[in-house]
Amino acid sequence: MPRDAVAVGYTGRALAPARLIIDLGQGTLALSTPLTVELRHLMAQALQASSSGRPQAARLADGTAYWPLTQPLPVEVDHGTTRHAATTVRRIRPDLA
């Protein structure tokens, strides 16, 4: 079931982000599944528009390195609740920014 969440970082390059770091609330961060080509393009545009220099890398609890966003970005995600839950970004929600 789709739900709103907040992207707080990304993996990969700013010109081609691979995955997003999603804040699911209550301090829970999740690494999204790989972004579609369309979402990579839209994220790259959003990153260029809000760019204020490259931030210092951060790490998830499992050691995955990512680049924090200067401003959180509202997104719509599908987040499973099974043992190996996947978080899939469906779309960016600029209407909630």
PDB file of N, CA and C in Angstrom:
ATOM      1  N   MET A   1       0.843  -1.177   0.000  1.00  0.00           N
ATOM      2  CA  MET A   1       0.000   0.000   0.000  1.00  0.00           C
ATOM      3  C   MET A   1       0.891   1.245   0.000  1.00  0.00           C
ATOM      4  N   PRO A   2       0.644   2.189  -0.894  1.00  0.00           N
ATOM      5  CA  PRO A   2       1.460   3.403  -0.970  1.00  0.00           C
ATOM      6  C   PRO A   2       1.309   4.249   0.297  1.00  0.00           C
ATOM      7  N   ARG A   3       2.416   4.913   0.658  1.00  0.00           N
ATOM      8  CA  ARG A   3       2.379   5.837   1.785  1.00  0.00           C
ATOM      9  C   ARG A   3       3.393   6.945   1.550  1.00  0.00           C
ATOM     10  N   ASP A   4       3.176   8.058   2.199  1.00  0.00           N
ATOM     11  CA  ASP A   4       4.109   9.175   2.085  1.00  0.00           C
ATOM     12  C   ASP A   4       5.257   8.983   3.059  1.00  0.00           C
ATOM     13  N   ALA A   5       6.432   9.406   2.634  1.00  0.00           N
ATOM     14  CA  ALA A   5       7.632   9.331   3.456  1.00  0.00           C
ATOM     15  C   ALA A   5       8.536  10.482   3.034  1.00  0.00           C
ATOM     16  N   VAL A   6       9.751  10.486   3.557  1.00  0.00           N
ATOM     17  CA  VAL A   6      10.684  11.565   3.256  1.00  0.00           C
ATOM     18  C   VAL A   6      12.027  10.972   2.855  1.00  0.00           C
ATOM     19  N   ALA A   7      12.537  11.398   1.696  1.00  0.00           N
ATOM     20  CA  ALA A   7      13.890  11.013   1.278  1.00  0.00           C
ATOM     21  C   ALA A   7      14.863  11.947   1.984  1.00  0.00           C
ATOM     22  N   VAL A   8      15.884  11.368   2.615  1.00  0.00           N
ATOM     23  CA  VAL A   8      16.860  12.170   3.357  1.00  0.00           C
ATOM     24  C   VAL A   8      18.275  12.016   2.806  1.00  0.00           C
ATOM     25  N   GLY A   9      18.443  11.157   1.794  1.00  0.00           N
ATOM     26  CA  GLY A   9      19.751  10.965   1.200  1.00  0.00           C
ATOM     27  C   GLY A   9      19.653  10.098  -0.040  1.00  0.00           C
ATOM     28  N   TYR A  10      20.816   9.873  -0.662  1.00  0.00           N
ATOM     29  CA  TYR A  10      20.856   9.054  -1.875  1.00  0.00           C
ATOM     30  C   TYR A  10      22.205   8.353  -1.976  1.00  0.00           C
ATOM     31  N   THR A  11      22.231   7.284  -2.744  1.00  0.00           N
ATOM     32  CA  THR A  11      23.479   6.598  -3.066  1.00  0.00           C
ATOM     33  C   THR A  11      23.779   6.859  -4.532  1.00  0.00           C
ATOM     34  N   GLY A  12      25.016   6.666  -4.908  1.00  0.00           N
ATOM     35  CA  GLY A  12      25.403   6.904  -6.295  1.00  0.00           C
ATOM     36  C   GLY A  12      25.877   8.331  -6.476  1.00  0.00           C
ATOM     37  N   ARG A  13      25.834   8.783  -7.727  1.00  0.00           N
ATOM     38  CA  ARG A  13      26.277  10.141  -8.065  1.00  0.00           C
ATOM     39  C   ARG A  13      25.078  11.080  -8.107  1.00  0.00           C
ATOM     40  N   ALA A  14      25.315  12.361  -7.883  1.00  0.00           N
ATOM     41  CA  ALA A  14      24.231  13.348  -7.919  1.00  0.00           C
ATOM     42  C   ALA A  14      23.592  13.420  -9.308  1.00  0.00           C
ATOM     43  N   LEU A  15      24.372  13.149 -10.355  1.00  0.00           N
ATOM     44  CA  LEU A  15      23.825  13.185 -11.713  1.00  0.00           C
ATOM     45  C   LEU A  15      23.058  11.917 -12.069  1.00  0.00           C
ATOM     46  N   ALA A  16      23.212  10.874 -11.255  1.00  0.00           N
ATOM     47  CA  ALA A  16      22.512   9.614 -11.491  1.00  0.00           C
ATOM     48  C   ALA A  16      22.334   8.867 -10.173  1.00  0.00           C
ATOM     49  N   PRO A  17      21.476   9.378  -9.271  1.00  0.00           N
ATOM     50  CA  PRO A  17      21.277   8.704  -7.995  1.00  0.00           C
ATOM     51  C   PRO A  17      20.749   7.282  -8.217  1.00  0.00           C
ATOM     52  N   ALA A  18      21.277   6.328  -7.466  1.00  0.00           N
ATOM     53  CA  ALA A  18      20.896   4.927  -7.651  1.00  0.00           C
ATOM     54  C   ALA A  18      19.730   4.514  -6.754  1.00  0.00           C
ATOM     55  N   ARG A  19      19.793   4.906  -5.489  1.00  0.00           N
ATOM     56  CA  ARG A  19      18.771   4.557  -4.494  1.00  0.00           C
ATOM     57  C   ARG A  19      18.590   5.746  -3.568  1.00  0.00           C
ATOM     58  N   LEU A  20      17.466   5.766  -2.865  1.00  0.00           N
ATOM     59  CA  LEU A  20      17.212   6.826  -1.896  1.00  0.00           C
ATOM     60  C   LEU A  20      17.234   6.255  -0.483  1.00  0.00           C
ATOM     61  N   ILE A  21      17.622   7.105   0.454  1.00  0.00           N
ATOM     62  CA  ILE A  21      17.516   6.775   1.868  1.00  0.00           C
ATOM     63  C   ILE A  21      16.196   7.376   2.321  1.00  0.00           C
ATOM     64  N   ILE A  22      15.302   6.534   2.798  1.00  0.00           N
ATOM     65  CA  ILE A  22      13.951   6.949   3.133  1.00  0.00           C
ATOM     66  C   ILE A  22      13.759   6.933   4.643  1.00  0.00           C
ATOM     67  N   ASP A  23      13.250   8.051   5.176  1.00  0.00           N
ATOM     68  CA  ASP A  23      12.878   8.131   6.586  1.00  0.00           C
ATOM     69  C   ASP A  23      11.425   7.702   6.682  1.00  0.00           C
ATOM     70  N   LEU A  24      11.195   6.542   7.301  1.00  0.00           N
ATOM     71  CA  LEU A  24       9.847   5.997   7.414  1.00  0.00           C
ATOM     72  C   LEU A  24       9.141   6.468   8.677  1.00  0.00           C
ATOM     73  N   GLY A  25       9.811   7.306   9.445  1.00  0.00           N
ATOM     74  CA  GLY A  25       9.233   7.794  10.697  1.00  0.00           C
ATOM     75  C   GLY A  25       9.791   7.051  11.888  1.00  0.00           C
ATOM     76  N   GLN A  26       9.701   7.648  13.054  1.00  0.00           N
ATOM     77  CA  GLN A  26      10.166   7.070  14.309  1.00  0.00           C
ATOM     78  C   GLN A  26      11.626   6.639  14.235  1.00  0.00           C
ATOM     79  N   GLY A  27      12.427   7.408  13.488  1.00  0.00           N
ATOM     80  CA  GLY A  27      13.858   7.135  13.413  1.00  0.00           C
ATOM     81  C   GLY A  27      14.247   5.947  12.555  1.00  0.00           C
ATOM     82  N   THR A  28      13.326   5.433  11.759  1.00  0.00           N
ATOM     83  CA  THR A  28      13.601   4.282  10.907  1.00  0.00           C
ATOM     84  C   THR A  28      14.025   4.747   9.521  1.00  0.00           C
ATOM     85  N   LEU A  29      15.267   4.411   9.135  1.00  0.00           N
ATOM     86  CA  LEU A  29      15.759   4.713   7.797  1.00  0.00           C
ATOM     87  C   LEU A  29      15.805   3.434   6.978  1.00  0.00           C
ATOM     88  N   ALA A  30      15.418   3.534   5.707  1.00  0.00           N
ATOM     89  CA  ALA A  30      15.414   2.380   4.813  1.00  0.00           C
ATOM     90  C   ALA A  30      16.098   2.750   3.505  1.00  0.00           C
ATOM     91  N   LEU A  31      16.818   1.807   2.937  1.00  0.00           N
ATOM     92  CA  LEU A  31      17.429   1.962   1.621  1.00  0.00           C
ATOM     93  C   LEU A  31      16.422   1.475   0.587  1.00  0.00           C
ATOM     94  N   SER A  32      16.076   2.335  -0.354  1.00  0.00           N
ATOM     95  CA  SER A  32      15.079   1.959  -1.358  1.00  0.00           C
ATOM     96  C   SER A  32      15.644   0.927  -2.327  1.00  0.00           C
ATOM     97  N   THR A  33      14.742   0.322  -3.073  1.00  0.00           N
ATOM     98  CA  THR A  33      15.155  -0.510  -4.192  1.00  0.00           C
ATOM     99  C   THR A  33      15.743   0.423  -5.248  1.00  0.00           C
ATOM    100  N   PRO A  34      16.459  -0.095  -6.253  1.00  0.00           N
ATOM    101  CA  PRO A  34      17.022   0.789  -7.286  1.00  0.00           C
ATOM    102  C   PRO A  34      15.947   1.646  -7.938  1.00  0.00           C
ATOM    103  N   LEU A  35      16.284   2.919  -8.177  1.00  0.00           N
ATOM    104  CA  LEU A  35      15.345   3.843  -8.806  1.00  0.00           C
ATOM    105  C   LEU A  35      15.178   3.515 -10.282  1.00  0.00           C
ATOM    106  N   THR A  36      13.993   3.800 -10.806  1.00  0.00           N
ATOM    107  CA  THR A  36      13.758   3.645 -12.235  1.00  0.00           C
ATOM    108  C   THR A  36      14.531   4.742 -12.966  1.00  0.00           C
ATOM    109  N   VAL A  37      14.695   4.590 -14.252  1.00  0.00           N
ATOM    110  CA  VAL A  37      15.391   5.597 -15.056  1.00  0.00           C
ATOM    111  C   VAL A  37      14.694   6.951 -14.925  1.00  0.00           C
ATOM    112  N   GLU A  38      13.383   6.951 -14.962  1.00  0.00           N
ATOM    113  CA  GLU A  38      12.621   8.201 -14.849  1.00  0.00           C
ATOM    114  C   GLU A  38      12.859   8.865 -13.487  1.00  0.00           C
ATOM    115  N   LEU A  39      12.805   8.088 -12.412  1.00  0.00           N
ATOM    116  CA  LEU A  39      13.034   8.666 -11.083  1.00  0.00           C
ATOM    117  C   LEU A  39      14.472   9.141 -10.911  1.00  0.00           C
ATOM    118  N   ARG A  40      15.436   8.430 -11.516  1.00  0.00           N
ATOM    119  CA  ARG A  40      16.826   8.894 -11.459  1.00  0.00           C
ATOM    120  C   ARG A  40      16.954  10.274 -12.095  1.00  0.00           C
ATOM    121  N   HIS A  41      16.303  10.448 -13.233  1.00  0.00           N
ATOM    122  CA  HIS A  41      16.352  11.726 -13.938  1.00  0.00           C
ATOM    123  C   HIS A  41      15.704  12.833 -13.097  1.00  0.00           C
ATOM    124  N   LEU A  42      14.530  12.565 -12.536  1.00  0.00           N
ATOM    125  CA  LEU A  42      13.836  13.563 -11.718  1.00  0.00           C
ATOM    126  C   LEU A  42      14.638  13.898 -10.459  1.00  0.00           C
ATOM    127  N   MET A  43      15.243  12.898  -9.829  1.00  0.00           N
ATOM    128  CA  MET A  43      16.053  13.143  -8.632  1.00  0.00           C
ATOM    129  C   MET A  43      17.291  13.959  -8.982  1.00  0.00           C
ATOM    130  N   ALA A  44      17.914  13.665 -10.104  1.00  0.00           N
ATOM    131  CA  ALA A  44      19.098  14.426 -10.520  1.00  0.00           C
ATOM    132  C   ALA A  44      18.735  15.893 -10.715  1.00  0.00           C
ATOM    133  N   GLN A  45      17.584  16.156 -11.307  1.00  0.00           N
ATOM    134  CA  GLN A  45      17.126  17.532 -11.481  1.00  0.00           C
ATOM    135  C   GLN A  45      16.886  18.200 -10.128  1.00  0.00           C
ATOM    136  N   ALA A  46      16.249  17.489  -9.211  1.00  0.00           N
ATOM    137  CA  ALA A  46      15.975  18.043  -7.880  1.00  0.00           C
ATOM    138  C   ALA A  46      17.274  18.310  -7.130  1.00  0.00           C
ATOM    139  N   LEU A  47      18.254  17.426  -7.284  1.00  0.00           N
ATOM    140  CA  LEU A  47      19.537  17.617  -6.606  1.00  0.00           C
ATOM    141  C   LEU A  47      20.283  18.820  -7.168  1.00  0.00           C
ATOM    142  N   GLN A  48      20.228  19.018  -8.476  1.00  0.00           N
ATOM    143  CA  GLN A  48      20.895  20.175  -9.088  1.00  0.00           C
ATOM    144  C   GLN A  48      20.228  21.474  -8.646  1.00  0.00           C
ATOM    145  N   ALA A  49      18.911  21.465  -8.524  1.00  0.00           N
ATOM    146  CA  ALA A  49      18.185  22.677  -8.137  1.00  0.00           C
ATOM    147  C   ALA A  49      18.474  23.079  -6.701  1.00  0.00           C
ATOM    148  N   SER A  50      18.735  22.099  -5.829  1.00  0.00           N
ATOM    149  CA  SER A  50      18.958  22.418  -4.419  1.00  0.00           C
ATOM    150  C   SER A  50      20.418  22.288  -4.010  1.00  0.00           C
ATOM    151  N   SER A  51      21.305  22.153  -4.976  1.00  0.00           N
ATOM    152  CA  SER A  51      22.710  21.917  -4.675  1.00  0.00           C
ATOM    153  C   SER A  51      23.365  23.112  -3.996  1.00  0.00           C
ATOM    154  N   SER A  52      24.060  22.804  -2.904  1.00  0.00           N
ATOM    155  CA  SER A  52      24.855  23.831  -2.219  1.00  0.00           C
ATOM    156  C   SER A  52      26.198  23.206  -1.856  1.00  0.00           C
ATOM    157  N   GLY A  53      26.759  22.461  -2.808  1.00  0.00           N
ATOM    158  CA  GLY A  53      28.012  21.756  -2.548  1.00  0.00           C
ATOM    159  C   GLY A  53      27.719  20.341  -2.089  1.00  0.00           C
ATOM    160  N   ARG A  54      28.689  19.497  -2.218  1.00  0.00           N
ATOM    161  CA  ARG A  54      28.504  18.094  -1.848  1.00  0.00           C
ATOM    162  C   ARG A  54      28.641  17.927  -0.335  1.00  0.00           C
ATOM    163  N   PRO A  55      27.627  17.361   0.315  1.00  0.00           N
ATOM    164  CA  PRO A  55      27.699  17.162   1.754  1.00  0.00           C
ATOM    165  C   PRO A  55      28.666  16.029   2.092  1.00  0.00           C
ATOM    166  N   GLN A  56      29.002  15.936   3.345  1.00  0.00           N
ATOM    167  CA  GLN A  56      29.868  14.852   3.806  1.00  0.00           C
ATOM    168  C   GLN A  56      29.050  13.560   3.845  1.00  0.00           C
ATOM    169  N   ALA A  57      29.646  12.464   3.430  1.00  0.00           N
ATOM    170  CA  ALA A  57      28.953  11.173   3.399  1.00  0.00           C
ATOM    171  C   ALA A  57      28.549  10.745   4.802  1.00  0.00           C
ATOM    172  N   ALA A  58      27.454  10.010   4.857  1.00  0.00           N
ATOM    173  CA  ALA A  58      26.957   9.436   6.108  1.00  0.00           C
ATOM    174  C   ALA A  58      26.821   7.933   5.886  1.00  0.00           C
ATOM    175  N   ARG A  59      26.496   7.196   6.936  1.00  0.00           N
ATOM    176  CA  ARG A  59      26.348   5.736   6.828  1.00  0.00           C
ATOM    177  C   ARG A  59      25.089   5.268   7.547  1.00  0.00           C
ATOM    178  N   LEU A  60      24.447   4.275   6.943  1.00  0.00           N
ATOM    179  CA  LEU A  60      23.340   3.601   7.601  1.00  0.00           C
ATOM    180  C   LEU A  60      23.900   2.646   8.644  1.00  0.00           C
ATOM    181  N   ALA A  61      23.052   2.096   9.474  1.00  0.00           N
ATOM    182  CA  ALA A  61      23.488   1.169  10.516  1.00  0.00           C
ATOM    183  C   ALA A  61      24.209  -0.050   9.942  1.00  0.00           C
ATOM    184  N   ASP A  62      23.848  -0.464   8.707  1.00  0.00           N
ATOM    185  CA  ASP A  62      24.504  -1.625   8.092  1.00  0.00           C
ATOM    186  C   ASP A  62      25.810  -1.263   7.385  1.00  0.00           C
ATOM    187  N   GLY A  63      26.200   0.027   7.442  1.00  0.00           N
ATOM    188  CA  GLY A  63      27.455   0.460   6.836  1.00  0.00           C
ATOM    189  C   GLY A  63      27.325   1.040   5.440  1.00  0.00           C
ATOM    190  N   THR A  64      26.127   1.026   4.863  1.00  0.00           N
ATOM    191  CA  THR A  64      25.915   1.586   3.524  1.00  0.00           C
ATOM    192  C   THR A  64      26.179   3.088   3.546  1.00  0.00           C
ATOM    193  N   ALA A  65      27.096   3.541   2.681  1.00  0.00           N
ATOM    194  CA  ALA A  65      27.407   4.972   2.598  1.00  0.00           C
ATOM    195  C   ALA A  65      26.378   5.672   1.716  1.00  0.00           C
ATOM    196  N   TYR A  66      26.033   6.895   2.102  1.00  0.00           N
ATOM    197  CA  TYR A  66      25.106   7.694   1.297  1.00  0.00           C
ATOM    198  C   TYR A  66      25.417   9.167   1.469  1.00  0.00           C
ATOM    199  N   TRP A  67      24.848   9.965   0.566  1.00  0.00           N
ATOM    200  CA  TRP A  67      25.000  11.418   0.599  1.00  0.00           C
ATOM    201  C   TRP A  67      23.708  12.015   1.142  1.00  0.00           C
ATOM    202  N   PRO A  68      23.769  12.730   2.267  1.00  0.00           N
ATOM    203  CA  PRO A  68      22.551  13.354   2.810  1.00  0.00           C
ATOM    204  C   PRO A  68      22.039  14.468   1.892  1.00  0.00           C
ATOM    205  N   LEU A  69      20.731  14.624   1.851  1.00  0.00           N
ATOM    206  CA  LEU A  69      20.124  15.727   1.114  1.00  0.00           C
ATOM    207  C   LEU A  69      20.178  16.983   1.978  1.00  0.00           C
ATOM    208  N   THR A  70      20.324  18.147   1.352  1.00  0.00           N
ATOM    209  CA  THR A  70      20.348  19.395   2.115  1.00  0.00           C
ATOM    210  C   THR A  70      18.967  19.704   2.672  1.00  0.00           C
ATOM    211  N   GLN A  71      17.919  19.280   1.966  1.00  0.00           N
ATOM    212  CA  GLN A  71      16.543  19.418   2.446  1.00  0.00           C
ATOM    213  C   GLN A  71      15.816  18.111   2.180  1.00  0.00           C
ATOM    214  N   PRO A  72      15.079  17.598   3.174  1.00  0.00           N
ATOM    215  CA  PRO A  72      14.305  16.371   2.939  1.00  0.00           C
ATOM    216  C   PRO A  72      13.331  16.565   1.781  1.00  0.00           C
ATOM    217  N   LEU A  73      13.084  15.486   1.052  1.00  0.00           N
ATOM    218  CA  LEU A  73      12.224  15.529  -0.127  1.00  0.00           C
ATOM    219  C   LEU A  73      11.059  14.553   0.053  1.00  0.00           C
ATOM    220  N   PRO A  74       9.808  15.044   0.041  1.00  0.00           N
ATOM    221  CA  PRO A  74       8.658  14.143   0.182  1.00  0.00           C
ATOM    222  C   PRO A  74       8.561  13.189  -1.015  1.00  0.00           C
ATOM    223  N   VAL A  75       8.305  11.926  -0.712  1.00  0.00           N
ATOM    224  CA  VAL A  75       8.153  10.904  -1.745  1.00  0.00           C
ATOM    225  C   VAL A  75       7.002   9.982  -1.356  1.00  0.00           C
ATOM    226  N   GLU A  76       6.504   9.264  -2.335  1.00  0.00           N
ATOM    227  CA  GLU A  76       5.513   8.219  -2.088  1.00  0.00           C
ATOM    228  C   GLU A  76       6.218   6.888  -2.266  1.00  0.00           C
ATOM    229  N   VAL A  77       6.057   5.994  -1.301  1.00  0.00           N
ATOM    230  CA  VAL A  77       6.736   4.713  -1.350  1.00  0.00           C
ATOM    231  C   VAL A  77       5.768   3.567  -1.098  1.00  0.00           C
ATOM    232  N   ASP A  78       6.177   2.392  -1.540  1.00  0.00           N
ATOM    233  CA  ASP A  78       5.568   1.133  -1.129  1.00  0.00           C
ATOM    234  C   ASP A  78       6.566   0.518  -0.172  1.00  0.00           C
ATOM    235  N   HIS A  79       6.133   0.205   1.044  1.00  0.00           N
ATOM    236  CA  HIS A  79       7.037  -0.406   2.022  1.00  0.00           C
ATOM    237  C   HIS A  79       6.395  -1.680   2.523  1.00  0.00           C
ATOM    238  N   GLY A  80       7.042  -2.799   2.235  1.00  0.00           N
ATOM    239  CA  GLY A  80       6.526  -4.082   2.670  1.00  0.00           C
ATOM    240  C   GLY A  80       6.688  -4.269   4.167  1.00  0.00           C
ATOM    241  N   THR A  81       5.932  -5.190   4.708  1.00  0.00           N
ATOM    242  CA  THR A  81       6.002  -5.470   6.137  1.00  0.00           C
ATOM    243  C   THR A  81       6.427  -6.904   6.411  1.00  0.00           C
ATOM    244  N   THR A  82       6.940  -7.572   5.394  1.00  0.00           N
ATOM    245  CA  THR A  82       7.395  -8.941   5.573  1.00  0.00           C
ATOM    246  C   THR A  82       8.797  -8.957   6.166  1.00  0.00           C
ATOM    247  N   ARG A  83       9.327 -10.119   6.375  1.00  0.00           N
ATOM    248  CA  ARG A  83      10.652 -10.252   6.991  1.00  0.00           C
ATOM    249  C   ARG A  83      11.728  -9.503   6.211  1.00  0.00           C
ATOM    250  N   HIS A  84      11.691  -9.596   4.895  1.00  0.00           N
ATOM    251  CA  HIS A  84      12.658  -8.906   4.036  1.00  0.00           C
ATOM    252  C   HIS A  84      11.937  -7.791   3.273  1.00  0.00           C
ATOM    253  N   ALA A  85      11.414  -6.845   4.023  1.00  0.00           N
ATOM    254  CA  ALA A  85      10.613  -5.775   3.436  1.00  0.00           C
ATOM    255  C   ALA A  85      11.447  -4.915   2.489  1.00  0.00           C
ATOM    256  N   ALA A  86      10.870  -4.580   1.355  1.00  0.00           N
ATOM    257  CA  ALA A  86      11.520  -3.701   0.385  1.00  0.00           C
ATOM    258  C   ALA A  86      10.787  -2.372   0.380  1.00  0.00           C
ATOM    259  N   THR A  87      11.537  -1.298   0.176  1.00  0.00           N
ATOM    260  CA  THR A  87      10.957   0.037   0.084  1.00  0.00           C
ATOM    261  C   THR A  87      11.175   0.519  -1.347  1.00  0.00           C
ATOM    262  N   THR A  88      10.093   0.691  -2.069  1.00  0.00           N
ATOM    263  CA  THR A  88      10.146   1.104  -3.466  1.00  0.00           C
ATOM    264  C   THR A  88       9.584   2.503  -3.607  1.00  0.00           C
ATOM    265  N   VAL A  89      10.363   3.398  -4.193  1.00  0.00           N
ATOM    266  CA  VAL A  89       9.908   4.773  -4.417  1.00  0.00           C
ATOM    267  C   VAL A  89       8.996   4.770  -5.637  1.00  0.00           C
ATOM    268  N   ARG A  90       7.780   5.260  -5.449  1.00  0.00           N
ATOM    269  CA  ARG A  90       6.815   5.330  -6.546  1.00  0.00           C
ATOM    270  C   ARG A  90       6.906   6.658  -7.287  1.00  0.00           C
ATOM    271  N   ARG A  91       7.060   7.754  -6.509  1.00  0.00           N
ATOM    272  CA  ARG A  91       7.133   9.076  -7.131  1.00  0.00           C
ATOM    273  C   ARG A  91       7.623  10.100  -6.122  1.00  0.00           C
ATOM    274  N   ILE A  92       8.088  11.216  -6.660  1.00  0.00           N
ATOM    275  CA  ILE A  92       8.470  12.366  -5.843  1.00  0.00           C
ATOM    276  C   ILE A  92       7.208  13.182  -5.623  1.00  0.00           C
ATOM    277  N   ARG A  93       7.050  13.744  -4.428  1.00  0.00           N
ATOM    278  CA  ARG A  93       5.846  14.506  -4.076  1.00  0.00           C
ATOM    279  C   ARG A  93       6.150  15.973  -3.837  1.00  0.00           C
ATOM    280  N   PRO A  94       6.480  16.767  -4.892  1.00  0.00           N
ATOM    281  CA  PRO A  94       6.779  18.180  -4.686  1.00  0.00           C
ATOM    282  C   PRO A  94       5.572  18.948  -4.128  1.00  0.00           C
ATOM    283  N   ASP A  95       4.356  18.397  -4.317  1.00  0.00           N
ATOM    284  CA  ASP A  95       3.159  19.052  -3.808  1.00  0.00           C
ATOM    285  C   ASP A  95       3.110  19.062  -2.285  1.00  0.00           C
ATOM    286  N   LEU A  96       3.925  18.232  -1.634  1.00  0.00           N
ATOM    287  CA  LEU A  96       3.965  18.185  -0.171  1.00  0.00           C
ATOM    288  C   LEU A  96       5.138  18.960   0.420  1.00  0.00           C
ATOM    289  N   ALA A  97       5.987  19.491  -0.442  1.00  0.00           N
ATOM    290  CA  ALA A  97       7.193  20.202   0.048  1.00  0.00           C
ATOM    291  C   ALA A  97       6.843  21.514   0.693  1.00  0.00           C
TER     292      ALA A  97
END
